[in-house]
Amino acid sequence: MSRLLLLAFFLATIAAIVSAECPGGYTQRENGGNCYKVWHDFHWYRYAMSACEDEGGWLVTIRNAEDQAWVNNFYKQRQGHCHDDYWIGANDLQDEGHFRWLQDNSDVTWAVWRWGEPNDSSGEDCVNNNLYWNAWNDAGYEWQTYCFVCEMFPKSC
């Protein structure tokens, strides 16, 4: 009886692990984290935002230094022909100077801005991250194009 119970527990555990997965092209962060994908095309912010939404996700959210390091490393490993700058999901499109995350419209409470940023030069409302500087910059969504990182929750089978 105990072997049968142990086997049932083992199978249930395997089923739970397998049931959460990332769609094709996405990589799951360790320890059951979210799924991530680098888009290797240069696009405006609004296109990047829509592309992630169309796949059931959002432009990547970076809430702390650990996320910053992980996302930068993930992007760097998959960067391909993309430049060092890439779009992330922070912007102040709704309220100038009040940056929020696309994922859940929550306030950006942790940030690693490049020196002198954000500066809203020429109406910059969207945020890109730079690998070289390991820092953020507010950029113009209508005239700057970058590759981008999408994030989503793992799918359940």
C-alpha atoms as a PDB file:
ATOM      1  CA  MET A   1       0.000   0.000   0.000  1.00  0.00           C
ATOM      2  CA  SER A   2       2.790   2.477   0.887  1.00  0.00           C
ATOM      3  CA  ARG A   3       4.553   1.764  -2.432  1.00  0.00           C
ATOM      4  CA  LEU A   4       1.347   2.499  -4.297  1.00  0.00           C
ATOM      5  CA  LEU A   5       0.947   5.735  -2.362  1.00  0.00           C
ATOM      6  CA  LEU A   6       4.564   6.686  -3.047  1.00  0.00           C
ATOM      7  CA  LEU A   7       4.124   5.940  -6.757  1.00  0.00           C
ATOM      8  CA  ALA A   8       0.950   8.041  -6.877  1.00  0.00           C
ATOM      9  CA  PHE A   9       2.743  10.935  -5.162  1.00  0.00           C
ATOM     10  CA  PHE A  10       5.681  10.662  -7.580  1.00  0.00           C
ATOM     11  CA  LEU A  11       3.384  10.661 -10.636  1.00  0.00           C
ATOM     12  CA  ALA A  12       1.392  13.619  -9.297  1.00  0.00           C
ATOM     13  CA  THR A  13       4.614  15.561  -8.744  1.00  0.00           C
ATOM     14  CA  ILE A  14       5.837  14.834 -12.276  1.00  0.00           C
ATOM     15  CA  ALA A  15       2.448  15.829 -13.701  1.00  0.00           C
ATOM     16  CA  ALA A  16       2.564  19.155 -11.822  1.00  0.00           C
ATOM     17  CA  ILE A  17       6.054  19.893 -13.116  1.00  0.00           C
ATOM     18  CA  VAL A  18       5.150  19.016 -16.698  1.00  0.00           C
ATOM     19  CA  SER A  19       1.799  20.835 -16.596  1.00  0.00           C
ATOM     20  CA  ALA A  20       3.413  24.300 -16.419  1.00  0.00           C
ATOM     21  CA  GLU A  21       5.372  25.030 -19.549  1.00  0.00           C
ATOM     22  CA  CYS A  22       6.387  27.749 -21.935  1.00  0.00           C
ATOM     23  CA  PRO A  23       5.169  28.019 -25.513  1.00  0.00           C
ATOM     24  CA  GLY A  24       7.571  27.534 -28.420  1.00  0.00           C
ATOM     25  CA  GLY A  25      10.367  30.072 -28.555  1.00  0.00           C
ATOM     26  CA  TYR A  26      10.072  30.906 -24.851  1.00  0.00           C
ATOM     27  CA  THR A  27      12.440  29.856 -22.067  1.00  0.00           C
ATOM     28  CA  GLN A  28      11.318  29.359 -18.489  1.00  0.00           C
ATOM     29  CA  ARG A  29      13.283  31.030 -15.730  1.00  0.00           C
ATOM     30  CA  GLU A  30      14.619  28.591 -13.130  1.00  0.00           C
ATOM     31  CA  ASN A  31      12.571  27.535 -10.110  1.00  0.00           C
ATOM     32  CA  GLY A  32       9.230  27.681 -11.898  1.00  0.00           C
ATOM     33  CA  GLY A  33       9.565  31.309 -12.978  1.00  0.00           C
ATOM     34  CA  ASN A  34       7.954  33.041 -15.919  1.00  0.00           C
ATOM     35  CA  CYS A  35       8.670  32.444 -19.601  1.00  0.00           C
ATOM     36  CA  TYR A  36      10.853  34.804 -21.689  1.00  0.00           C
ATOM     37  CA  LYS A  37      11.588  35.370 -25.358  1.00  0.00           C
ATOM     38  CA  VAL A  38      13.902  37.763 -27.222  1.00  0.00           C
ATOM     39  CA  TRP A  39      12.475  39.214 -30.419  1.00  0.00           C
ATOM     40  CA  HIS A  40      15.271  39.727 -32.924  1.00  0.00           C
ATOM     41  CA  ASP A  41      13.563  42.494 -34.876  1.00  0.00           C
ATOM     42  CA  PHE A  42      13.944  46.241 -34.422  1.00  0.00           C
ATOM     43  CA  HIS A  43      10.558  47.800 -33.677  1.00  0.00           C
ATOM     44  CA  TRP A  44       8.899  50.799 -32.086  1.00  0.00           C
ATOM     45  CA  TYR A  45       7.665  50.433 -28.525  1.00  0.00           C
ATOM     46  CA  ARG A  46       3.983  50.155 -29.376  1.00  0.00           C
ATOM     47  CA  TYR A  47       4.672  47.353 -31.873  1.00  0.00           C
ATOM     48  CA  ALA A  48       6.771  45.503 -29.279  1.00  0.00           C
ATOM     49  CA  MET A  49       4.020  45.950 -26.709  1.00  0.00           C
ATOM     50  CA  SER A  50       1.383  44.573 -29.118  1.00  0.00           C
ATOM     51  CA  ALA A  51       3.569  41.658 -30.232  1.00  0.00           C
ATOM     52  CA  CYS A  52       3.979  40.498 -26.620  1.00  0.00           C
ATOM     53  CA  GLU A  53       0.261  40.951 -25.906  1.00  0.00           C
ATOM     54  CA  ASP A  54      -0.652  38.966 -29.026  1.00  0.00           C
ATOM     55  CA  GLU A  55       1.315  36.034 -27.587  1.00  0.00           C
ATOM     56  CA  GLY A  56      -0.367  36.324 -24.181  1.00  0.00           C
ATOM     57  CA  GLY A  57       2.408  38.226 -22.443  1.00  0.00           C
ATOM     58  CA  TRP A  58       3.901  41.677 -21.880  1.00  0.00           C
ATOM     59  CA  LEU A  59       7.178  43.507 -22.355  1.00  0.00           C
ATOM     60  CA  VAL A  60       9.536  42.264 -19.647  1.00  0.00           C
ATOM     61  CA  THR A  61       9.137  43.478 -16.059  1.00  0.00           C
ATOM     62  CA  ILE A  62      12.281  44.125 -14.004  1.00  0.00           C
ATOM     63  CA  ARG A  63      11.461  44.700 -10.335  1.00  0.00           C
ATOM     64  CA  ASN A  64      14.858  44.308  -8.624  1.00  0.00           C
ATOM     65  CA  ALA A  65      18.606  43.793  -9.108  1.00  0.00           C
ATOM     66  CA  GLU A  66      18.169  40.025  -9.410  1.00  0.00           C
ATOM     67  CA  ASP A  67      15.668  40.459 -12.265  1.00  0.00           C
ATOM     68  CA  GLN A  68      17.966  43.025 -13.915  1.00  0.00           C
ATOM     69  CA  ALA A  69      20.924  40.631 -13.852  1.00  0.00           C
ATOM     70  CA  TRP A  70      18.866  37.647 -15.047  1.00  0.00           C
ATOM     71  CA  VAL A  71      17.134  39.482 -17.907  1.00  0.00           C
ATOM     72  CA  ASN A  72      20.389  41.101 -19.054  1.00  0.00           C
ATOM     73  CA  ASN A  73      22.118  37.720 -19.105  1.00  0.00           C
ATOM     74  CA  PHE A  74      19.165  36.120 -20.918  1.00  0.00           C
ATOM     75  CA  TYR A  75      19.153  38.889 -23.542  1.00  0.00           C
ATOM     76  CA  LYS A  76      22.928  38.816 -23.971  1.00  0.00           C
ATOM     77  CA  GLN A  77      22.930  35.052 -24.621  1.00  0.00           C
ATOM     78  CA  ARG A  78      20.210  35.417 -27.290  1.00  0.00           C
ATOM     79  CA  GLN A  79      21.038  38.871 -28.596  1.00  0.00           C
ATOM     80  CA  GLY A  80      22.106  37.800 -32.074  1.00  0.00           C
ATOM     81  CA  HIS A  81      22.240  40.833 -34.389  1.00  0.00           C
ATOM     82  CA  CYS A  82      20.356  43.046 -31.906  1.00  0.00           C
ATOM     83  CA  HIS A  83      22.086  46.042 -30.385  1.00  0.00           C
ATOM     84  CA  ASP A  84      22.794  46.385 -26.675  1.00  0.00           C
ATOM     85  CA  ASP A  85      19.557  48.334 -26.129  1.00  0.00           C
ATOM     86  CA  TYR A  86      16.214  46.553 -25.777  1.00  0.00           C
ATOM     87  CA  TRP A  87      12.695  47.599 -24.781  1.00  0.00           C
ATOM     88  CA  ILE A  88      11.344  46.726 -21.339  1.00  0.00           C
ATOM     89  CA  GLY A  89       7.788  47.125 -20.047  1.00  0.00           C
ATOM     90  CA  ALA A  90       8.147  50.393 -18.123  1.00  0.00           C
ATOM     91  CA  ASN A  91       6.702  53.655 -19.449  1.00  0.00           C
ATOM     92  CA  ASP A  92       5.162  56.953 -18.395  1.00  0.00           C
ATOM     93  CA  LEU A  93       2.688  57.214 -21.259  1.00  0.00           C
ATOM     94  CA  GLN A  94      -0.280  57.775 -18.913  1.00  0.00           C
ATOM     95  CA  ASP A  95       1.310  60.318 -16.588  1.00  0.00           C
ATOM     96  CA  GLU A  96       4.593  62.102 -17.378  1.00  0.00           C
ATOM     97  CA  GLY A  97       7.278  61.206 -14.847  1.00  0.00           C
ATOM     98  CA  HIS A  98       5.186  58.416 -13.274  1.00  0.00           C
ATOM     99  CA  PHE A  99       6.598  55.153 -14.641  1.00  0.00           C
ATOM    100  CA  ARG A 100       4.439  52.028 -14.552  1.00  0.00           C
ATOM    101  CA  TRP A 101       4.787  48.399 -15.646  1.00  0.00           C
ATOM    102  CA  LEU A 102       2.740  47.088 -18.562  1.00  0.00           C
ATOM    103  CA  GLN A 103       2.277  43.737 -16.813  1.00  0.00           C
ATOM    104  CA  ASP A 104      -0.060  45.001 -14.120  1.00  0.00           C
ATOM    105  CA  ASN A 105       0.021  48.824 -14.311  1.00  0.00           C
ATOM    106  CA  SER A 106       1.905  48.899 -10.983  1.00  0.00           C
ATOM    107  CA  ASP A 107       4.373  51.664 -10.154  1.00  0.00           C
ATOM    108  CA  VAL A 108       8.044  51.220 -10.969  1.00  0.00           C
ATOM    109  CA  THR A 109       9.482  51.213  -7.441  1.00  0.00           C
ATOM    110  CA  TRP A 110      12.987  49.955  -8.274  1.00  0.00           C
ATOM    111  CA  ALA A 111      14.982  51.355 -11.184  1.00  0.00           C
ATOM    112  CA  VAL A 112      18.537  51.554 -12.409  1.00  0.00           C
ATOM    113  CA  TRP A 113      18.526  54.707 -14.530  1.00  0.00           C
ATOM    114  CA  ARG A 114      21.525  55.732 -16.575  1.00  0.00           C
ATOM    115  CA  TRP A 115      23.102  58.975 -15.396  1.00  0.00           C
ATOM    116  CA  GLY A 116      20.845  61.940 -16.264  1.00  0.00           C
ATOM    117  CA  GLU A 117      17.820  59.739 -16.981  1.00  0.00           C
ATOM    118  CA  PRO A 118      14.925  59.824 -17.195  1.00  0.00           C
ATOM    119  CA  ASN A 119      15.045  63.208 -18.901  1.00  0.00           C
ATOM    120  CA  ASP A 120      11.996  63.201 -21.225  1.00  0.00           C
ATOM    121  CA  SER A 121      14.136  64.624 -24.018  1.00  0.00           C
ATOM    122  CA  SER A 122      11.835  65.196 -27.007  1.00  0.00           C
ATOM    123  CA  GLY A 123       8.896  63.405 -25.376  1.00  0.00           C
ATOM    124  CA  GLU A 124      10.563  60.179 -24.300  1.00  0.00           C
ATOM    125  CA  ASP A 125       7.968  58.011 -22.559  1.00  0.00           C
ATOM    126  CA  CYS A 126       9.163  54.407 -22.897  1.00  0.00           C
ATOM    127  CA  VAL A 127      12.090  52.604 -21.293  1.00  0.00           C
ATOM    128  CA  ASN A 128      14.918  50.673 -22.833  1.00  0.00           C
ATOM    129  CA  ASN A 129      17.660  48.790 -21.011  1.00  0.00           C
ATOM    130  CA  ASN A 130      21.297  48.869 -22.121  1.00  0.00           C
ATOM    131  CA  LEU A 131      23.609  45.883 -21.624  1.00  0.00           C
ATOM    132  CA  TYR A 132      26.824  47.906 -21.697  1.00  0.00           C
ATOM    133  CA  TRP A 133      25.698  50.443 -19.101  1.00  0.00           C
ATOM    134  CA  ASN A 134      23.457  47.952 -17.264  1.00  0.00           C
ATOM    135  CA  ALA A 135      21.078  50.881 -16.947  1.00  0.00           C
ATOM    136  CA  TRP A 136      17.771  52.256 -18.198  1.00  0.00           C
ATOM    137  CA  ASN A 137      16.977  55.163 -20.481  1.00  0.00           C
ATOM    138  CA  ASP A 138      13.687  56.800 -21.352  1.00  0.00           C
ATOM    139  CA  ALA A 139      13.313  56.710 -25.128  1.00  0.00           C
ATOM    140  CA  GLY A 140      10.924  57.907 -27.787  1.00  0.00           C
ATOM    141  CA  TYR A 141       8.352  55.292 -28.719  1.00  0.00           C
ATOM    142  CA  GLU A 142       7.650  56.842 -32.141  1.00  0.00           C
ATOM    143  CA  TRP A 143      11.175  57.303 -33.421  1.00  0.00           C
ATOM    144  CA  GLN A 144      13.475  54.753 -31.751  1.00  0.00           C
ATOM    145  CA  THR A 145      13.483  51.050 -32.599  1.00  0.00           C
ATOM    146  CA  TYR A 146      14.991  48.235 -30.554  1.00  0.00           C
ATOM    147  CA  CYS A 147      14.746  44.504 -30.138  1.00  0.00           C
ATOM    148  CA  PHE A 148      12.707  43.492 -27.109  1.00  0.00           C
ATOM    149  CA  VAL A 149      12.023  40.826 -24.498  1.00  0.00           C
ATOM    150  CA  CYS A 150       8.545  39.406 -23.908  1.00  0.00           C
ATOM    151  CA  GLU A 151       7.521  37.757 -20.652  1.00  0.00           C
ATOM    152  CA  MET A 152       4.516  35.587 -19.794  1.00  0.00           C
ATOM    153  CA  PHE A 153       3.241  33.250 -17.144  1.00  0.00           C
ATOM    154  CA  PRO A 154       3.849  29.536 -17.810  1.00  0.00           C
ATOM    155  CA  LYS A 155       0.893  27.839 -19.474  1.00  0.00           C
ATOM    156  CA  SER A 156      -0.937  24.998 -17.781  1.00  0.00           C
ATOM    157  CA  CYS A 157      -1.759  21.953 -19.875  1.00  0.00           C
END
